[in-house]
Amino acid sequence: MNKSLIDIVVCGAHMQGLALNSQLTERGAVFRSSVQTADSYRFYALPGGPPFRPGLVRVNAGGASIAAEVWGLPAARWGDFIALIPSPLAIGTVLLADGRSVKGFLCEACATEGAIDITALGSWRTFLGQQQP
């Protein structure tokens, strides 16, 4: 493992091929793996956009596993990447199905008011696919 890279979990617009992935690749981030979160999250399509973004919220009960990706971001670029993240999104600790805890995108719970609960879809790509005519 390259110690100069910090792993970050993404579950929305920063995933491979999606609208904000270039914010990672332009900073030298490398794709590590596709993963699933632990089954302790609710997943929402947040209002606003483009780009459209999801919100991942950890819950005590009624959660599900959500598709995500782990990227290795150069430590020297961590700060300028984090500076791009708008509220209500934030970086916190995401629990993965394999037992790891990795820094990644989370959402403030207050932002779920008026958002569409897409937890049952289990994936931002699945949600996006349903939005196309």
C-alpha atoms as a PDB file:
ATOM      1  CA  MET A   1       0.000   0.000   0.000  1.00  0.00           C
ATOM      2  CA  ASN A   2       1.309   3.417  -0.954  1.00  0.00           C
ATOM      3  CA  LYS A   3       1.493   5.405   2.310  1.00  0.00           C
ATOM      4  CA  SER A   4       1.400   8.704   0.428  1.00  0.00           C
ATOM      5  CA  LEU A   5      -2.188   7.899  -0.605  1.00  0.00           C
ATOM      6  CA  ILE A   6      -5.186   8.369   1.682  1.00  0.00           C
ATOM      7  CA  ASP A   7      -8.180   6.158   0.928  1.00  0.00           C
ATOM      8  CA  ILE A   8     -11.535   7.866   0.437  1.00  0.00           C
ATOM      9  CA  VAL A   9     -14.939   6.261  -0.125  1.00  0.00           C
ATOM     10  CA  VAL A  10     -17.166   7.830  -2.780  1.00  0.00           C
ATOM     11  CA  CYS A  11     -20.732   6.756  -3.531  1.00  0.00           C
ATOM     12  CA  GLY A  12     -22.021   9.353  -5.985  1.00  0.00           C
ATOM     13  CA  ALA A  13     -20.843  11.931  -8.509  1.00  0.00           C
ATOM     14  CA  HIS A  14     -17.141  11.211  -7.794  1.00  0.00           C
ATOM     15  CA  MET A  15     -17.405   7.567  -8.923  1.00  0.00           C
ATOM     16  CA  GLN A  16     -15.690   6.385 -12.109  1.00  0.00           C
ATOM     17  CA  GLY A  17     -17.178   7.947 -15.230  1.00  0.00           C
ATOM     18  CA  LEU A  18     -19.512  10.296 -13.353  1.00  0.00           C
ATOM     19  CA  ALA A  19     -19.697  14.097 -13.331  1.00  0.00           C
ATOM     20  CA  LEU A  20     -17.172  14.887 -10.570  1.00  0.00           C
ATOM     21  CA  ASN A  21     -14.708  12.009 -10.979  1.00  0.00           C
ATOM     22  CA  SER A  22     -12.243  14.425 -12.588  1.00  0.00           C
ATOM     23  CA  GLN A  23     -11.886  16.187  -9.214  1.00  0.00           C
ATOM     24  CA  LEU A  24     -10.146  13.001  -8.057  1.00  0.00           C
ATOM     25  CA  THR A  25      -8.245  12.035 -11.204  1.00  0.00           C
ATOM     26  CA  GLU A  26      -6.896  15.564 -11.767  1.00  0.00           C
ATOM     27  CA  ARG A  27      -5.335  15.301  -8.294  1.00  0.00           C
ATOM     28  CA  GLY A  28      -3.639  11.993  -9.100  1.00  0.00           C
ATOM     29  CA  ALA A  29      -6.129   9.765  -7.269  1.00  0.00           C
ATOM     30  CA  VAL A  30      -6.117   6.100  -8.221  1.00  0.00           C
ATOM     31  CA  PHE A  31      -9.066   3.726  -8.224  1.00  0.00           C
ATOM     32  CA  ARG A  32      -8.585   1.016  -5.601  1.00  0.00           C
ATOM     33  CA  SER A  33     -11.789  -1.061  -5.633  1.00  0.00           C
ATOM     34  CA  SER A  34     -15.553  -1.266  -5.813  1.00  0.00           C
ATOM     35  CA  VAL A  35     -17.003  -1.896  -2.346  1.00  0.00           C
ATOM     36  CA  GLN A  36     -20.242  -2.090  -0.397  1.00  0.00           C
ATOM     37  CA  THR A  37     -20.903  -0.140   2.755  1.00  0.00           C
ATOM     38  CA  ALA A  38     -22.031  -1.913   5.891  1.00  0.00           C
ATOM     39  CA  ASP A  39     -25.812  -2.279   6.041  1.00  0.00           C
ATOM     40  CA  SER A  40     -26.199   0.719   8.337  1.00  0.00           C
ATOM     41  CA  TYR A  41     -26.908   3.538   5.867  1.00  0.00           C
ATOM     42  CA  ARG A  42     -29.828   5.352   4.280  1.00  0.00           C
ATOM     43  CA  PHE A  43     -29.194   6.842   0.841  1.00  0.00           C
ATOM     44  CA  TYR A  44     -30.841   9.953  -0.592  1.00  0.00           C
ATOM     45  CA  ALA A  45     -30.982  11.843  -3.885  1.00  0.00           C
ATOM     46  CA  LEU A  46     -30.414  15.391  -2.691  1.00  0.00           C
ATOM     47  CA  PRO A  47     -32.251  18.347  -4.220  1.00  0.00           C
ATOM     48  CA  GLY A  48     -30.278  20.697  -6.449  1.00  0.00           C
ATOM     49  CA  GLY A  49     -27.752  20.191  -9.180  1.00  0.00           C
ATOM     50  CA  PRO A  50     -26.346  19.722 -11.640  1.00  0.00           C
ATOM     51  CA  PRO A  51     -24.280  17.901 -10.821  1.00  0.00           C
ATOM     52  CA  PHE A  52     -26.790  15.820  -8.944  1.00  0.00           C
ATOM     53  CA  ARG A  53     -25.479  14.288  -5.730  1.00  0.00           C
ATOM     54  CA  PRO A  54     -26.521  11.659  -3.234  1.00  0.00           C
ATOM     55  CA  GLY A  55     -26.337  11.798   0.527  1.00  0.00           C
ATOM     56  CA  LEU A  56     -25.210   8.834   2.645  1.00  0.00           C
ATOM     57  CA  VAL A  57     -26.487   8.935   6.244  1.00  0.00           C
ATOM     58  CA  ARG A  58     -25.573   6.404   8.930  1.00  0.00           C
ATOM     59  CA  VAL A  59     -28.558   5.107  10.910  1.00  0.00           C
ATOM     60  CA  ASN A  60     -29.050   2.903  13.959  1.00  0.00           C
ATOM     61  CA  ALA A  61     -31.802   0.823  12.333  1.00  0.00           C
ATOM     62  CA  GLY A  62     -33.392   0.369   8.919  1.00  0.00           C
ATOM     63  CA  GLY A  63     -30.203   0.782   6.934  1.00  0.00           C
ATOM     64  CA  ALA A  64     -28.887  -1.025   3.879  1.00  0.00           C
ATOM     65  CA  SER A  65     -25.613  -1.673   2.105  1.00  0.00           C
ATOM     66  CA  ILE A  66     -24.773   0.877  -0.610  1.00  0.00           C
ATOM     67  CA  ALA A  67     -22.442   0.475  -3.608  1.00  0.00           C
ATOM     68  CA  ALA A  68     -19.341   2.650  -3.399  1.00  0.00           C
ATOM     69  CA  GLU A  69     -15.745   2.956  -4.571  1.00  0.00           C
ATOM     70  CA  VAL A  70     -12.468   3.422  -2.736  1.00  0.00           C
ATOM     71  CA  TRP A  71      -9.950   5.818  -4.270  1.00  0.00           C
ATOM     72  CA  GLY A  72      -6.411   6.526  -3.119  1.00  0.00           C
ATOM     73  CA  LEU A  73      -5.896  10.301  -3.021  1.00  0.00           C
ATOM     74  CA  PRO A  74      -2.367  11.694  -2.709  1.00  0.00           C
ATOM     75  CA  ALA A  75      -1.936  13.068   0.806  1.00  0.00           C
ATOM     76  CA  ALA A  76      -0.534  16.315  -0.612  1.00  0.00           C
ATOM     77  CA  ARG A  77      -3.833  16.912  -2.474  1.00  0.00           C
ATOM     78  CA  TRP A  78      -6.198  15.991   0.377  1.00  0.00           C
ATOM     79  CA  GLY A  79      -6.757  19.583   1.545  1.00  0.00           C
ATOM     80  CA  ASP A  80      -7.555  21.102  -1.838  1.00  0.00           C
ATOM     81  CA  PHE A  81      -9.921  18.199  -2.582  1.00  0.00           C
ATOM     82  CA  ILE A  82     -11.769  18.561   0.723  1.00  0.00           C
ATOM     83  CA  ALA A  83     -12.133  22.301   0.117  1.00  0.00           C
ATOM     84  CA  LEU A  84     -14.364  21.494  -2.877  1.00  0.00           C
ATOM     85  CA  ILE A  85     -16.993  19.648  -0.820  1.00  0.00           C
ATOM     86  CA  PRO A  86     -20.157  21.717  -0.346  1.00  0.00           C
ATOM     87  CA  SER A  87     -22.522  21.482   2.598  1.00  0.00           C
ATOM     88  CA  PRO A  88     -24.484  19.323   3.428  1.00  0.00           C
ATOM     89  CA  LEU A  89     -21.822  16.829   2.366  1.00  0.00           C
ATOM     90  CA  ALA A  90     -18.844  16.152   4.609  1.00  0.00           C
ATOM     91  CA  ILE A  91     -16.013  13.697   5.119  1.00  0.00           C
ATOM     92  CA  GLY A  92     -16.420  11.234   7.959  1.00  0.00           C
ATOM     93  CA  THR A  93     -15.812   7.574   8.655  1.00  0.00           C
ATOM     94  CA  VAL A  94     -17.684   5.121   6.427  1.00  0.00           C
ATOM     95  CA  LEU A  95     -18.111   1.529   7.586  1.00  0.00           C
ATOM     96  CA  LEU A  96     -17.638  -1.048   4.839  1.00  0.00           C
ATOM     97  CA  ALA A  97     -19.224  -4.483   4.522  1.00  0.00           C
ATOM     98  CA  ASP A  98     -15.777  -6.090   4.848  1.00  0.00           C
ATOM     99  CA  GLY A  99     -15.327  -4.546   8.305  1.00  0.00           C
ATOM    100  CA  ARG A 100     -13.009  -1.683   7.353  1.00  0.00           C
ATOM    101  CA  SER A 101     -13.582   1.914   8.398  1.00  0.00           C
ATOM    102  CA  VAL A 102     -12.480   4.364   5.690  1.00  0.00           C
ATOM    103  CA  LYS A 103     -12.774   8.139   5.404  1.00  0.00           C
ATOM    104  CA  GLY A 104     -15.469   9.055   2.912  1.00  0.00           C
ATOM    105  CA  PHE A 105     -18.484  11.100   1.913  1.00  0.00           C
ATOM    106  CA  LEU A 106     -21.353  11.405   4.380  1.00  0.00           C
ATOM    107  CA  CYS A 107     -24.313  13.760   4.524  1.00  0.00           C
ATOM    108  CA  GLU A 108     -25.778  15.865   7.318  1.00  0.00           C
ATOM    109  CA  ALA A 109     -29.078  14.264   8.361  1.00  0.00           C
ATOM    110  CA  CYS A 110     -30.928  17.591   8.165  1.00  0.00           C
ATOM    111  CA  ALA A 111     -30.440  17.594   4.385  1.00  0.00           C
ATOM    112  CA  THR A 112     -32.679  14.561   3.952  1.00  0.00           C
ATOM    113  CA  GLU A 113     -35.813  16.685   4.398  1.00  0.00           C
ATOM    114  CA  GLY A 114     -37.177  17.051   0.871  1.00  0.00           C
ATOM    115  CA  ALA A 115     -34.680  14.524  -0.521  1.00  0.00           C
ATOM    116  CA  ILE A 116     -35.744  11.312  -2.271  1.00  0.00           C
ATOM    117  CA  ASP A 117     -34.946   8.153  -0.288  1.00  0.00           C
ATOM    118  CA  ILE A 118     -33.197   5.834  -2.754  1.00  0.00           C
ATOM    119  CA  THR A 119     -31.857   3.365  -0.190  1.00  0.00           C
ATOM    120  CA  ALA A 120     -33.747   0.442  -1.745  1.00  0.00           C
ATOM    121  CA  LEU A 121     -31.892   0.978  -5.049  1.00  0.00           C
ATOM    122  CA  GLY A 122     -28.551   0.431  -3.291  1.00  0.00           C
ATOM    123  CA  SER A 123     -26.581   2.391  -5.874  1.00  0.00           C
ATOM    124  CA  TRP A 124     -26.231   5.902  -7.272  1.00  0.00           C
ATOM    125  CA  ARG A 125     -25.706   4.426 -10.768  1.00  0.00           C
ATOM    126  CA  THR A 126     -29.014   2.557 -10.503  1.00  0.00           C
ATOM    127  CA  PHE A 127     -30.773   5.784  -9.512  1.00  0.00           C
ATOM    128  CA  LEU A 128     -29.182   7.699 -12.404  1.00  0.00           C
ATOM    129  CA  GLY A 129     -30.168   4.949 -14.835  1.00  0.00           C
ATOM    130  CA  GLN A 130     -33.788   5.317 -13.801  1.00  0.00           C
ATOM    131  CA  GLN A 131     -33.710   9.072 -14.444  1.00  0.00           C
ATOM    132  CA  GLN A 132     -32.950   8.761 -18.145  1.00  0.00           C
ATOM    133  CA  PRO A 133     -35.897   8.672 -20.582  1.00  0.00           C
END
